[in-house]
Amino acid sequence: MIKKIFNIVIEKEEDEESYFIHCPQLGGCMSQGDNIEHALLMFSEALNLYMENTINIMKYEEKLKKDMRKI
């Protein structure tokens, strides 16, 4: 199993009582919540979906490479 450490950025929205979280290393992986706990929970869900999608893309690309070798 490969383990990686990623940084997250937590920002308090000035005009609202909410928090925005994103991971600079994972473009598009972001979420927000009414408080820090809620924002972290929502980000955890976003991260799981991001990783699941990344795995699916990698599987598709591998299948595509195999299919291209048959041509």
N, C-alpha and C. Protein backbone atom coordinates (compact mmCIF):
# COMPACT_ATOMS: atom_id res chain seq x y z
N MET A 1 0.84 -1.19 0.00
CA MET A 1 0.00 0.00 0.00
C MET A 1 0.88 1.24 0.00
N ILE A 2 0.55 2.17 -0.86
CA ILE A 2 1.28 3.44 -0.94
C ILE A 2 0.61 4.45 -0.03
N LYS A 3 1.41 5.12 0.78
CA LYS A 3 0.87 6.16 1.65
C LYS A 3 1.45 7.50 1.22
N LYS A 4 0.59 8.49 1.14
CA LYS A 4 1.02 9.84 0.79
C LYS A 4 0.40 10.80 1.78
N ILE A 5 1.10 11.87 2.03
CA ILE A 5 0.58 12.92 2.91
C ILE A 5 0.29 14.14 2.05
N PHE A 6 -0.92 14.66 2.19
CA PHE A 6 -1.32 15.85 1.45
C PHE A 6 -1.67 16.95 2.44
N ASN A 7 -1.43 18.17 2.04
CA ASN A 7 -1.81 19.32 2.85
C ASN A 7 -3.23 19.73 2.50
N ILE A 8 -3.96 20.20 3.49
CA ILE A 8 -5.25 20.80 3.22
C ILE A 8 -5.23 22.24 3.72
N VAL A 9 -6.03 23.06 3.09
CA VAL A 9 -6.14 24.47 3.48
C VAL A 9 -7.56 24.68 3.98
N ILE A 10 -7.67 25.23 5.19
CA ILE A 10 -8.98 25.53 5.77
C ILE A 10 -9.10 27.04 5.86
N GLU A 11 -10.14 27.57 5.24
CA GLU A 11 -10.36 29.02 5.24
C GLU A 11 -11.73 29.33 5.82
N LYS A 12 -11.77 30.29 6.72
CA LYS A 12 -13.05 30.75 7.25
C LYS A 12 -13.57 31.82 6.31
N GLU A 13 -14.77 31.63 5.83
CA GLU A 13 -15.39 32.61 4.94
C GLU A 13 -15.71 33.86 5.75
N GLU A 14 -15.23 34.99 5.33
CA GLU A 14 -15.41 36.23 6.09
C GLU A 14 -16.85 36.73 6.08
N ASP A 15 -17.53 36.57 4.96
CA ASP A 15 -18.88 37.11 4.85
C ASP A 15 -19.95 36.13 5.38
N GLU A 16 -19.55 34.92 5.71
CA GLU A 16 -20.48 33.91 6.20
C GLU A 16 -19.88 33.21 7.41
N GLU A 17 -20.68 32.41 8.05
CA GLU A 17 -20.20 31.59 9.17
C GLU A 17 -19.92 30.18 8.67
N SER A 18 -19.11 30.06 7.63
CA SER A 18 -18.80 28.74 7.08
C SER A 18 -17.30 28.62 6.83
N TYR A 19 -16.88 27.39 6.56
CA TYR A 19 -15.47 27.08 6.32
C TYR A 19 -15.33 26.38 4.98
N PHE A 20 -14.26 26.72 4.28
CA PHE A 20 -13.94 26.15 2.98
C PHE A 20 -12.64 25.38 3.11
N ILE A 21 -12.61 24.14 2.60
CA ILE A 21 -11.42 23.29 2.67
C ILE A 21 -11.06 22.83 1.26
N HIS A 22 -9.77 22.89 0.95
CA HIS A 22 -9.31 22.32 -0.32
C HIS A 22 -7.90 21.77 -0.16
N CYS A 23 -7.55 20.91 -1.10
CA CYS A 23 -6.23 20.30 -1.11
C CYS A 23 -5.51 20.78 -2.36
N PRO A 24 -4.48 21.62 -2.23
CA PRO A 24 -3.79 22.17 -3.40
C PRO A 24 -3.20 21.11 -4.33
N GLN A 25 -2.78 19.97 -3.77
CA GLN A 25 -2.17 18.92 -4.59
C GLN A 25 -3.20 18.13 -5.39
N LEU A 26 -4.47 18.21 -5.02
CA LEU A 26 -5.53 17.46 -5.69
C LEU A 26 -6.53 18.45 -6.27
N GLY A 27 -6.22 18.97 -7.44
CA GLY A 27 -7.06 19.98 -8.07
C GLY A 27 -8.53 19.57 -8.13
N GLY A 28 -9.39 20.40 -7.64
CA GLY A 28 -10.82 20.13 -7.67
C GLY A 28 -11.34 19.40 -6.45
N CYS A 29 -10.47 18.99 -5.54
CA CYS A 29 -10.91 18.31 -4.33
C CYS A 29 -11.12 19.37 -3.25
N MET A 30 -12.40 19.69 -3.02
CA MET A 30 -12.72 20.76 -2.08
C MET A 30 -14.11 20.54 -1.50
N SER A 31 -14.39 21.24 -0.42
CA SER A 31 -15.71 21.18 0.19
C SER A 31 -15.85 22.34 1.16
N GLN A 32 -17.02 22.44 1.74
CA GLN A 32 -17.25 23.47 2.74
C GLN A 32 -18.29 22.97 3.73
N GLY A 33 -18.38 23.66 4.86
CA GLY A 33 -19.35 23.29 5.88
C GLY A 33 -19.66 24.45 6.79
N ASP A 34 -20.72 24.28 7.58
CA ASP A 34 -21.19 25.34 8.48
C ASP A 34 -20.21 25.60 9.63
N ASN A 35 -19.42 24.57 9.98
CA ASN A 35 -18.39 24.72 11.02
C ASN A 35 -17.22 23.84 10.62
N ILE A 36 -16.14 23.88 11.38
CA ILE A 36 -14.95 23.12 10.99
C ILE A 36 -15.23 21.62 10.95
N GLU A 37 -15.95 21.11 11.94
CA GLU A 37 -16.23 19.68 11.98
C GLU A 37 -17.04 19.25 10.75
N HIS A 38 -18.06 20.03 10.43
CA HIS A 38 -18.90 19.72 9.26
C HIS A 38 -18.08 19.83 7.98
N ALA A 39 -17.24 20.84 7.87
CA ALA A 39 -16.40 21.02 6.69
C ALA A 39 -15.45 19.84 6.52
N LEU A 40 -14.85 19.38 7.62
CA LEU A 40 -13.95 18.23 7.55
C LEU A 40 -14.69 16.96 7.15
N LEU A 41 -15.88 16.77 7.68
CA LEU A 41 -16.70 15.61 7.31
C LEU A 41 -17.02 15.65 5.82
N MET A 42 -17.43 16.79 5.32
CA MET A 42 -17.77 16.93 3.91
C MET A 42 -16.52 16.77 3.03
N PHE A 43 -15.37 17.27 3.51
CA PHE A 43 -14.14 17.12 2.75
C PHE A 43 -13.73 15.65 2.70
N SER A 44 -13.93 14.93 3.79
CA SER A 44 -13.61 13.50 3.81
C SER A 44 -14.41 12.76 2.73
N GLU A 45 -15.67 13.10 2.60
CA GLU A 45 -16.51 12.50 1.56
C GLU A 45 -16.01 12.90 0.17
N ALA A 46 -15.66 14.16 0.00
CA ALA A 46 -15.15 14.64 -1.29
C ALA A 46 -13.84 13.93 -1.64
N LEU A 47 -12.98 13.74 -0.66
CA LEU A 47 -11.70 13.07 -0.89
C LEU A 47 -11.92 11.61 -1.29
N ASN A 48 -12.83 10.93 -0.63
CA ASN A 48 -13.13 9.54 -0.99
C ASN A 48 -13.64 9.45 -2.42
N LEU A 49 -14.52 10.35 -2.82
CA LEU A 49 -15.04 10.36 -4.19
C LEU A 49 -13.92 10.69 -5.19
N TYR A 50 -13.05 11.62 -4.84
CA TYR A 50 -11.93 11.99 -5.70
C TYR A 50 -11.03 10.78 -5.94
N MET A 51 -10.69 10.07 -4.86
CA MET A 51 -9.81 8.90 -4.98
C MET A 51 -10.49 7.77 -5.75
N GLU A 52 -11.76 7.55 -5.49
CA GLU A 52 -12.50 6.52 -6.22
C GLU A 52 -12.51 6.83 -7.72
N ASN A 53 -12.74 8.08 -8.07
CA ASN A 53 -12.73 8.49 -9.47
C ASN A 53 -11.34 8.33 -10.09
N THR A 54 -10.30 8.67 -9.34
CA THR A 54 -8.93 8.53 -9.83
C THR A 54 -8.61 7.06 -10.11
N ILE A 55 -9.02 6.17 -9.23
CA ILE A 55 -8.80 4.74 -9.42
C ILE A 55 -9.54 4.26 -10.67
N ASN A 56 -10.78 4.69 -10.85
CA ASN A 56 -11.55 4.29 -12.02
C ASN A 56 -10.90 4.78 -13.31
N ILE A 57 -10.37 5.98 -13.31
CA ILE A 57 -9.68 6.52 -14.49
C ILE A 57 -8.43 5.69 -14.78
N MET A 58 -7.68 5.34 -13.75
CA MET A 58 -6.47 4.54 -13.94
C MET A 58 -6.81 3.16 -14.52
N LYS A 59 -7.89 2.55 -14.03
CA LYS A 59 -8.32 1.25 -14.55
C LYS A 59 -8.73 1.37 -16.01
N TYR A 60 -9.46 2.43 -16.34
CA TYR A 60 -9.90 2.65 -17.72
C TYR A 60 -8.71 2.85 -18.64
N GLU A 61 -7.73 3.64 -18.21
CA GLU A 61 -6.55 3.88 -19.03
C GLU A 61 -5.77 2.60 -19.25
N GLU A 62 -5.67 1.75 -18.23
CA GLU A 62 -4.96 0.48 -18.37
C GLU A 62 -5.69 -0.44 -19.36
N LYS A 63 -7.01 -0.48 -19.28
CA LYS A 63 -7.80 -1.28 -20.21
C LYS A 63 -7.63 -0.75 -21.63
N LEU A 64 -7.63 0.55 -21.78
CA LEU A 64 -7.46 1.17 -23.09
C LEU A 64 -6.10 0.81 -23.69
N LYS A 65 -5.05 0.82 -22.87
CA LYS A 65 -3.72 0.44 -23.35
C LYS A 65 -3.70 -1.00 -23.83
N LYS A 66 -4.34 -1.90 -23.07
CA LYS A 66 -4.40 -3.30 -23.46
C LYS A 66 -5.16 -3.46 -24.77
N ASP A 67 -6.28 -2.76 -24.90
CA ASP A 67 -7.06 -2.84 -26.13
C ASP A 67 -6.29 -2.31 -27.33
N MET A 68 -5.51 -1.25 -27.13
CA MET A 68 -4.74 -0.65 -28.21
C MET A 68 -3.63 -1.62 -28.69
N ARG A 69 -3.10 -2.43 -27.78
CA ARG A 69 -2.07 -3.41 -28.15
C ARG A 69 -2.62 -4.49 -29.08
N LYS A 70 -3.92 -4.75 -28.98
CA LYS A 70 -4.56 -5.78 -29.80
C LYS A 70 -4.76 -5.32 -31.24
N ILE A 71 -4.71 -4.02 -31.46
CA ILE A 71 -4.97 -3.49 -32.80
C ILE A 71 -3.75 -3.61 -33.68
